[in-house]
């Protein structure tokens, strides 16, 4: 009963991520696990952000997903996801499509900065004479 209600309440981007990343045999189990944790979120701290973070870390591997949820402390999951993504500050509060859009924008900005850095004149790289 609780799983059915949670499945209906589970954000669509989470379900889409699971369907896209997990192989068919473990897809249902991943949805069930996330659904139950989502339904119990007020008691356990497993918010949408934590579930998205664990899914991102697992990258479609059900054993890794189960391990992440077995940590017992949701803050560890958040920190691990931030470290893996290289983006800190509650990155996974946003739905996955927005995360991907932000990643693309960040990547474009980084490439733009690299290009600007490469276009600097050679004199810029030479150290000043200490005399």
Protein backbone atom coordinates (compact mmCIF):
# COMPACT_ATOMS: atom_id res chain seq x y z
CA UNK A 1 0.00 0.00 0.00
CA UNK A 2 2.68 2.51 0.99
CA UNK A 3 4.73 1.59 -2.12
CA UNK A 4 1.80 2.23 -4.48
CA UNK A 5 1.13 5.64 -2.94
CA UNK A 6 4.83 6.55 -2.99
CA UNK A 7 5.22 5.44 -6.60
CA UNK A 8 2.48 7.85 -7.58
CA UNK A 9 4.21 10.62 -5.61
CA UNK A 10 7.76 9.82 -6.77
CA UNK A 11 8.90 12.66 -9.06
CA UNK A 12 8.77 11.70 -12.75
CA UNK A 13 12.41 12.65 -13.35
CA UNK A 14 13.49 10.05 -10.77
CA UNK A 15 11.40 7.35 -12.44
CA UNK A 16 12.74 8.35 -15.87
CA UNK A 17 16.33 8.22 -14.57
CA UNK A 18 15.79 4.72 -13.18
CA UNK A 19 14.17 3.47 -16.39
CA UNK A 20 17.01 4.94 -18.48
CA UNK A 21 19.93 3.80 -16.32
CA UNK A 22 18.97 0.51 -14.70
CA UNK A 23 18.71 -2.80 -16.56
CA UNK A 24 15.23 -4.31 -16.75
CA UNK A 25 15.71 -6.94 -14.01
CA UNK A 26 16.69 -4.36 -11.40
CA UNK A 27 14.57 -1.46 -12.64
CA UNK A 28 11.45 -2.45 -10.68
CA UNK A 29 13.48 -3.07 -7.53
CA UNK A 30 15.14 0.36 -7.81
CA UNK A 31 11.76 2.08 -8.25
CA UNK A 32 10.32 0.14 -5.31
CA UNK A 33 13.29 0.98 -3.08
CA UNK A 34 13.18 4.68 -3.95
CA UNK A 35 9.40 4.74 -3.60
CA UNK A 36 9.45 3.28 -0.10
CA UNK A 37 12.22 5.63 1.02
CA UNK A 38 10.38 8.55 -0.53
CA UNK A 39 7.22 7.61 1.36
CA UNK A 40 9.18 7.42 4.62
CA UNK A 41 11.18 10.58 3.93
CA UNK A 42 9.90 12.56 6.90
CA UNK A 43 11.09 9.88 9.31
CA UNK A 44 14.34 8.94 7.60
CA UNK A 45 15.54 12.10 5.85
CA UNK A 46 15.46 10.54 2.36
CA UNK A 47 14.24 13.52 0.40
CA UNK A 48 14.12 13.85 -3.38
CA UNK A 49 17.63 15.32 -3.22
CA UNK A 50 19.01 12.30 -1.37
CA UNK A 51 17.31 9.84 -3.71
CA UNK A 52 18.60 11.71 -6.78
CA UNK A 53 22.07 11.79 -5.25
CA UNK A 54 22.08 8.04 -4.57
CA UNK A 55 20.81 7.33 -8.10
CA UNK A 56 23.53 9.55 -9.58
CA UNK A 57 26.21 7.76 -7.57
CA UNK A 58 24.89 4.33 -8.56
CA UNK A 59 24.76 5.13 -12.28
CA UNK A 60 22.46 2.17 -12.90
CA UNK A 61 24.15 -0.35 -10.61
CA UNK A 62 21.60 -1.77 -8.14
CA UNK A 63 24.33 -3.02 -5.76
CA UNK A 64 25.75 0.50 -5.46
CA UNK A 65 22.27 1.97 -4.98
CA UNK A 66 21.55 -0.47 -2.14
CA UNK A 67 24.95 0.29 -0.59
CA UNK A 68 24.26 4.03 -0.68
CA UNK A 69 20.94 3.60 1.09
CA UNK A 70 22.55 1.31 3.65
CA UNK A 71 24.93 4.06 4.79
CA UNK A 72 22.36 5.14 7.32
CA UNK A 73 23.23 8.85 7.10
CA UNK A 74 21.76 10.78 4.21
CA UNK A 75 24.44 13.48 4.54
CA UNK A 76 27.06 10.97 3.39
CA UNK A 77 25.04 10.33 0.25
CA UNK A 78 24.73 14.06 -0.49
CA UNK A 79 28.44 14.63 -0.01
CA UNK A 80 29.43 11.62 -2.14
CA UNK A 81 27.19 12.80 -5.00
CA UNK A 82 28.58 16.32 -4.83
CA UNK A 83 32.12 14.96 -4.91
CA UNK A 84 31.37 12.66 -7.84
CA UNK A 85 29.71 15.44 -9.85
CA UNK A 86 32.34 18.05 -8.95
CA UNK A 87 29.54 20.50 -8.20
CA UNK A 88 28.93 21.41 -4.60
CA UNK A 89 25.94 22.99 -2.93
CA UNK A 90 22.82 20.82 -3.07
CA UNK A 91 23.21 20.15 -6.76
CA UNK A 92 20.55 17.43 -6.84
CA UNK A 93 17.66 19.45 -5.42
CA UNK A 94 16.81 20.12 -9.03
CA UNK A 95 15.15 17.50 -11.22
CA UNK A 96 17.58 15.55 -13.42
CA UNK A 97 16.76 17.47 -16.65
CA UNK A 98 17.71 20.73 -14.91
CA UNK A 99 20.88 19.12 -13.53
CA UNK A 100 21.89 18.06 -17.05
CA UNK A 101 21.13 21.52 -18.38
CA UNK A 102 23.26 23.10 -15.63
CA UNK A 103 26.08 20.62 -16.31
CA UNK A 104 26.02 21.57 -19.98
CA UNK A 105 26.11 25.28 -19.14
CA UNK A 106 28.99 24.78 -16.68
CA UNK A 107 30.91 22.75 -19.24
CA UNK A 108 30.40 25.45 -21.88
CA UNK A 109 31.58 28.12 -19.43
CA UNK A 110 34.68 26.08 -18.58
CA UNK A 111 35.51 25.62 -22.27
CA UNK A 112 35.01 29.33 -22.84
CA UNK A 113 37.41 30.18 -19.98
CA UNK A 114 39.99 27.71 -21.29
CA UNK A 115 39.75 29.26 -24.75
CA UNK A 116 40.20 32.76 -23.29
CA UNK A 117 43.18 31.55 -21.28
CA UNK A 118 44.77 29.98 -24.37
CA UNK A 119 44.34 33.22 -26.31
CA UNK A 120 46.39 35.26 -23.83
CA UNK A 121 49.66 36.63 -25.22
CA UNK A 122 52.87 34.76 -24.38
CA UNK A 123 54.13 37.73 -22.34
CA UNK A 124 51.32 37.10 -19.87
CA UNK A 125 52.90 33.79 -18.86
CA UNK A 126 56.40 35.16 -18.29
CA UNK A 127 57.32 36.00 -14.71
CA UNK A 128 58.21 39.55 -13.87
CA UNK A 129 61.88 40.30 -13.31
CA UNK A 130 62.43 40.40 -9.51
CA UNK A 131 65.04 43.22 -9.78
